[in-house]
Amino acid sequence: MTSFRAGAILRSTISWGVNAVITATLEQAQEQLNDRINKALLGEQVVLVRGVEQVAAIVPLHLSDSPSKDVLSDAAADRLWRRLAAERESGRLSGFDSPKEAVRALAQ
């Protein structure tokens, strides 16, 4: 099914034996990002379009796909962002030589 709204394309198709393909404009994807991510995690293909051109896809990443096998918790990620903001404000920046070193430092 294809519908046209104010020049934007929103299309959902279901093929035999294949999960749904959801196509949305960049604006629609921004408004419903959590929903689009959840659909991708459930196995649906989410394709973003600009005009009539497909420009990106939202696909689930699994830990095995990650270049670093280290996991950063939400709390550690929050500490990272706060630390970076404080460093930026003070003008003193620190760095890490590896993702493992960064994860260790942020886990403290």
N, C-alpha and C. Protein backbone atom coordinates (compact mmCIF):
# COMPACT_ATOMS: atom_id res chain seq x y z
N MET A 1 0.84 -1.16 0.00
CA MET A 1 0.00 0.00 0.00
C MET A 1 0.89 1.23 0.00
N THR A 2 0.64 2.17 -0.86
CA THR A 2 1.41 3.41 -0.94
C THR A 2 0.45 4.58 -0.80
N SER A 3 0.81 5.53 0.05
CA SER A 3 -0.02 6.73 0.16
C SER A 3 0.88 7.95 0.06
N PHE A 4 0.38 9.01 -0.57
CA PHE A 4 1.15 10.23 -0.75
C PHE A 4 0.52 11.31 0.11
N ARG A 5 1.33 11.97 0.94
CA ARG A 5 0.85 13.05 1.78
C ARG A 5 1.83 14.20 1.68
N ALA A 6 1.40 15.31 1.17
CA ALA A 6 2.22 16.52 1.07
C ALA A 6 3.60 16.22 0.51
N GLY A 7 3.66 15.39 -0.51
CA GLY A 7 4.92 15.08 -1.17
C GLY A 7 5.75 14.02 -0.46
N ALA A 8 5.28 13.51 0.67
CA ALA A 8 6.05 12.51 1.41
C ALA A 8 5.49 11.12 1.11
N ILE A 9 6.36 10.16 1.20
CA ILE A 9 5.94 8.78 0.94
C ILE A 9 5.95 8.01 2.25
N LEU A 10 4.87 7.35 2.55
CA LEU A 10 4.81 6.43 3.67
C LEU A 10 4.27 5.13 3.12
N ARG A 11 5.09 4.10 3.16
CA ARG A 11 4.69 2.86 2.51
C ARG A 11 5.01 1.68 3.41
N SER A 12 4.10 0.79 3.55
CA SER A 12 4.33 -0.47 4.26
C SER A 12 3.95 -1.59 3.32
N THR A 13 4.83 -2.54 3.16
CA THR A 13 4.52 -3.68 2.32
C THR A 13 4.87 -4.95 3.06
N ILE A 14 4.13 -5.98 2.82
CA ILE A 14 4.43 -7.28 3.40
C ILE A 14 4.58 -8.25 2.25
N SER A 15 5.73 -8.91 2.21
CA SER A 15 5.99 -9.92 1.18
C SER A 15 5.78 -11.29 1.79
N TRP A 16 5.52 -12.26 0.93
CA TRP A 16 5.32 -13.62 1.41
C TRP A 16 6.55 -14.11 2.14
N GLY A 17 6.36 -14.54 3.39
CA GLY A 17 7.45 -15.13 4.16
C GLY A 17 8.51 -14.13 4.61
N VAL A 18 8.27 -12.86 4.45
CA VAL A 18 9.25 -11.84 4.83
C VAL A 18 8.57 -10.87 5.78
N ASN A 19 9.33 -10.36 6.75
CA ASN A 19 8.78 -9.38 7.68
C ASN A 19 8.40 -8.10 6.94
N ALA A 20 7.59 -7.29 7.59
CA ALA A 20 7.14 -6.04 6.99
C ALA A 20 8.31 -5.11 6.72
N VAL A 21 8.17 -4.33 5.66
CA VAL A 21 9.13 -3.27 5.35
C VAL A 21 8.40 -1.96 5.62
N ILE A 22 8.93 -1.16 6.50
CA ILE A 22 8.33 0.12 6.83
C ILE A 22 9.19 1.20 6.22
N THR A 23 8.59 2.06 5.42
CA THR A 23 9.31 3.17 4.81
C THR A 23 8.72 4.46 5.37
N ALA A 24 9.59 5.35 5.84
CA ALA A 24 9.12 6.61 6.42
C ALA A 24 10.06 7.73 6.02
N THR A 25 9.51 8.94 5.96
CA THR A 25 10.36 10.10 5.70
C THR A 25 11.24 10.35 6.92
N LEU A 26 12.29 11.13 6.74
CA LEU A 26 13.17 11.46 7.86
C LEU A 26 12.39 12.16 8.97
N GLU A 27 11.48 13.04 8.59
CA GLU A 27 10.66 13.76 9.58
C GLU A 27 9.80 12.78 10.38
N GLN A 28 9.17 11.84 9.69
CA GLN A 28 8.34 10.85 10.38
C GLN A 28 9.19 9.99 11.31
N ALA A 29 10.38 9.62 10.86
CA ALA A 29 11.26 8.78 11.68
C ALA A 29 11.69 9.53 12.94
N GLN A 30 11.98 10.83 12.82
CA GLN A 30 12.36 11.61 13.99
C GLN A 30 11.22 11.67 15.00
N GLU A 31 10.01 11.86 14.52
CA GLU A 31 8.86 11.97 15.40
C GLU A 31 8.56 10.65 16.10
N GLN A 32 8.89 9.54 15.47
CA GLN A 32 8.54 8.22 16.00
C GLN A 32 9.77 7.33 16.11
N LEU A 33 10.91 7.91 16.51
CA LEU A 33 12.16 7.16 16.51
C LEU A 33 12.10 5.92 17.40
N ASN A 34 11.60 6.05 18.63
CA ASN A 34 11.53 4.88 19.51
C ASN A 34 10.69 3.77 18.89
N ASP A 35 9.57 4.13 18.30
CA ASP A 35 8.71 3.14 17.65
C ASP A 35 9.43 2.46 16.50
N ARG A 36 10.14 3.23 15.68
CA ARG A 36 10.87 2.67 14.54
C ARG A 36 11.97 1.73 15.01
N ILE A 37 12.68 2.12 16.08
CA ILE A 37 13.75 1.26 16.62
C ILE A 37 13.14 -0.03 17.15
N ASN A 38 12.05 0.08 17.89
CA ASN A 38 11.41 -1.13 18.42
C ASN A 38 10.95 -2.06 17.31
N LYS A 39 10.43 -1.50 16.22
CA LYS A 39 10.01 -2.34 15.09
C LYS A 39 11.22 -3.04 14.46
N ALA A 40 12.35 -2.32 14.35
CA ALA A 40 13.56 -2.94 13.81
C ALA A 40 14.03 -4.06 14.72
N LEU A 41 13.96 -3.85 16.03
CA LEU A 41 14.37 -4.89 16.97
C LEU A 41 13.48 -6.13 16.88
N LEU A 42 12.23 -5.92 16.46
CA LEU A 42 11.30 -7.05 16.30
C LEU A 42 11.45 -7.74 14.95
N GLY A 43 12.39 -7.25 14.13
CA GLY A 43 12.67 -7.91 12.86
C GLY A 43 12.10 -7.23 11.64
N GLU A 44 11.38 -6.13 11.83
CA GLU A 44 10.84 -5.43 10.66
C GLU A 44 11.94 -4.59 10.03
N GLN A 45 11.89 -4.46 8.71
CA GLN A 45 12.85 -3.63 8.00
C GLN A 45 12.34 -2.20 8.00
N VAL A 46 13.16 -1.27 8.47
CA VAL A 46 12.77 0.14 8.54
C VAL A 46 13.69 0.92 7.61
N VAL A 47 13.12 1.51 6.56
CA VAL A 47 13.89 2.24 5.56
C VAL A 47 13.46 3.70 5.60
N LEU A 48 14.44 4.61 5.63
CA LEU A 48 14.16 6.05 5.64
C LEU A 48 14.34 6.62 4.25
N VAL A 49 13.45 7.51 3.88
CA VAL A 49 13.50 8.11 2.55
C VAL A 49 13.57 9.62 2.65
N ARG A 50 14.24 10.21 1.68
CA ARG A 50 14.25 11.67 1.49
C ARG A 50 13.65 11.89 0.12
N GLY A 51 12.46 12.48 0.09
CA GLY A 51 11.74 12.56 -1.18
C GLY A 51 11.33 11.16 -1.59
N VAL A 52 11.80 10.72 -2.76
CA VAL A 52 11.51 9.35 -3.20
C VAL A 52 12.75 8.46 -3.13
N GLU A 53 13.85 9.01 -2.61
CA GLU A 53 15.11 8.25 -2.56
C GLU A 53 15.30 7.61 -1.19
N GLN A 54 15.58 6.31 -1.18
CA GLN A 54 15.90 5.62 0.07
C GLN A 54 17.30 6.05 0.49
N VAL A 55 17.45 6.54 1.73
CA VAL A 55 18.74 7.09 2.15
C VAL A 55 19.37 6.36 3.33
N ALA A 56 18.59 5.63 4.11
CA ALA A 56 19.16 4.96 5.28
C ALA A 56 18.20 3.87 5.75
N ALA A 57 18.71 3.03 6.64
CA ALA A 57 17.89 1.99 7.24
C ALA A 57 18.18 1.94 8.73
N ILE A 58 17.17 1.58 9.50
CA ILE A 58 17.36 1.34 10.93
C ILE A 58 17.41 -0.16 11.09
N VAL A 59 18.55 -0.65 11.55
CA VAL A 59 18.73 -2.09 11.72
C VAL A 59 19.20 -2.37 13.13
N PRO A 60 18.80 -3.49 13.71
CA PRO A 60 19.26 -3.81 15.05
C PRO A 60 20.74 -4.21 15.04
N LEU A 61 21.46 -3.75 16.02
CA LEU A 61 22.84 -4.18 16.20
C LEU A 61 22.89 -5.12 17.38
N HIS A 62 23.59 -6.18 17.21
CA HIS A 62 23.76 -7.14 18.28
C HIS A 62 25.15 -6.98 18.85
N LEU A 63 25.35 -7.40 20.08
CA LEU A 63 26.65 -7.25 20.72
C LEU A 63 27.75 -7.85 19.85
N SER A 64 27.44 -8.93 19.13
CA SER A 64 28.45 -9.56 18.27
C SER A 64 28.83 -8.67 17.09
N ASP A 65 27.96 -7.69 16.73
CA ASP A 65 28.26 -6.77 15.63
C ASP A 65 29.17 -5.63 16.05
N SER A 66 29.27 -5.41 17.35
CA SER A 66 30.00 -4.27 17.87
C SER A 66 31.50 -4.49 17.80
N PRO A 67 32.27 -3.45 17.40
CA PRO A 67 33.72 -3.60 17.37
C PRO A 67 34.28 -3.81 18.78
N SER A 68 33.60 -3.31 19.80
CA SER A 68 34.02 -3.51 21.18
C SER A 68 32.99 -4.39 21.86
N LYS A 69 33.44 -5.43 22.51
CA LYS A 69 32.53 -6.33 23.21
C LYS A 69 32.17 -5.79 24.59
N ASP A 70 32.80 -4.68 24.99
CA ASP A 70 32.53 -4.10 26.29
C ASP A 70 31.18 -3.38 26.26
N VAL A 71 30.42 -3.58 27.31
CA VAL A 71 29.09 -2.98 27.39
C VAL A 71 29.13 -1.81 28.35
N LEU A 72 28.55 -0.70 27.93
CA LEU A 72 28.47 0.49 28.77
C LEU A 72 27.02 0.62 29.23
N SER A 73 26.82 0.57 30.54
CA SER A 73 25.46 0.68 31.07
C SER A 73 24.92 2.09 30.86
N ASP A 74 23.61 2.24 31.01
CA ASP A 74 23.01 3.57 30.89
C ASP A 74 23.59 4.52 31.93
N ALA A 75 23.79 4.03 33.15
CA ALA A 75 24.35 4.88 34.21
C ALA A 75 25.77 5.31 33.85
N ALA A 76 26.57 4.39 33.32
CA ALA A 76 27.94 4.74 32.92
C ALA A 76 27.93 5.71 31.75
N ALA A 77 27.01 5.52 30.82
CA ALA A 77 26.92 6.45 29.69
C ALA A 77 26.53 7.84 30.18
N ASP A 78 25.62 7.90 31.15
CA ASP A 78 25.23 9.19 31.73
C ASP A 78 26.43 9.85 32.39
N ARG A 79 27.24 9.06 33.12
CA ARG A 79 28.47 9.60 33.74
C ARG A 79 29.42 10.12 32.67
N LEU A 80 29.52 9.40 31.55
CA LEU A 80 30.39 9.83 30.46
C LEU A 80 29.97 11.20 29.95
N TRP A 81 28.68 11.37 29.65
CA TRP A 81 28.22 12.65 29.11
C TRP A 81 28.43 13.79 30.09
N ARG A 82 28.19 13.52 31.38
CA ARG A 82 28.41 14.56 32.40
C ARG A 82 29.90 14.90 32.50
N ARG A 83 30.73 13.86 32.45
CA ARG A 83 32.17 14.08 32.53
C ARG A 83 32.67 14.89 31.32
N LEU A 84 32.20 14.53 30.14
CA LEU A 84 32.60 15.27 28.95
C LEU A 84 32.17 16.73 29.01
N ALA A 85 30.96 16.97 29.51
CA ALA A 85 30.47 18.35 29.63
C ALA A 85 31.33 19.13 30.62
N ALA A 86 31.69 18.51 31.75
CA ALA A 86 32.53 19.18 32.75
C ALA A 86 33.92 19.45 32.19
N GLU A 87 34.48 18.48 31.47
CA GLU A 87 35.81 18.67 30.87
C GLU A 87 35.77 19.78 29.83
N ARG A 88 34.75 19.78 29.01
CA ARG A 88 34.63 20.81 27.98
C ARG A 88 34.54 22.19 28.63
N GLU A 89 33.78 22.29 29.71
CA GLU A 89 33.61 23.56 30.41
C GLU A 89 34.91 24.02 31.06
N SER A 90 35.69 23.07 31.60
CA SER A 90 36.94 23.43 32.28
C SER A 90 38.09 23.65 31.31
N GLY A 91 37.95 23.14 30.09
CA GLY A 91 39.03 23.26 29.11
C GLY A 91 40.07 22.15 29.23
N ARG A 92 39.90 21.25 30.19
CA ARG A 92 40.82 20.11 30.37
C ARG A 92 40.13 18.85 29.85
N LEU A 93 40.68 18.28 28.81
CA LEU A 93 40.10 17.07 28.23
C LEU A 93 40.99 15.87 28.51
N SER A 94 40.38 14.74 28.85
CA SER A 94 41.14 13.51 29.03
C SER A 94 40.78 12.57 27.89
N GLY A 95 41.62 11.59 27.68
CA GLY A 95 41.38 10.65 26.60
C GLY A 95 41.65 9.23 27.07
N PHE A 96 41.26 8.29 26.25
CA PHE A 96 41.47 6.88 26.54
C PHE A 96 42.16 6.25 25.35
N ASP A 97 43.03 5.29 25.63
CA ASP A 97 43.76 4.61 24.56
C ASP A 97 42.97 3.47 23.92
N SER A 98 41.92 3.02 24.60
CA SER A 98 41.13 1.92 24.05
C SER A 98 39.71 1.98 24.61
N PRO A 99 38.77 1.33 23.93
CA PRO A 99 37.41 1.27 24.48
C PRO A 99 37.36 0.59 25.84
N LYS A 100 38.18 -0.45 26.04
CA LYS A 100 38.20 -1.14 27.33
C LYS A 100 38.62 -0.20 28.45
N GLU A 101 39.65 0.62 28.18
CA GLU A 101 40.11 1.58 29.18
C GLU A 101 39.01 2.58 29.52
N ALA A 102 38.29 3.03 28.52
CA ALA A 102 37.19 3.98 28.74
C ALA A 102 36.08 3.33 29.57
N VAL A 103 35.71 2.10 29.24
CA VAL A 103 34.66 1.41 29.98
C VAL A 103 35.08 1.20 31.43
N ARG A 104 36.34 0.80 31.65
CA ARG A 104 36.84 0.62 33.02
C ARG A 104 36.75 1.93 33.80
N ALA A 105 37.19 3.02 33.19
CA ALA A 105 37.18 4.33 33.88
C ALA A 105 35.75 4.77 34.18
N LEU A 106 34.84 4.52 33.28
CA LEU A 106 33.46 4.96 33.47
C LEU A 106 32.67 4.06 34.41
N ALA A 107 33.15 2.85 34.63
CA ALA A 107 32.46 1.93 35.52
C ALA A 107 32.69 2.29 36.98
N GLN A 108 33.68 3.12 37.24
CA GLN A 108 34.02 3.51 38.62
C GLN A 108 33.00 4.45 39.20
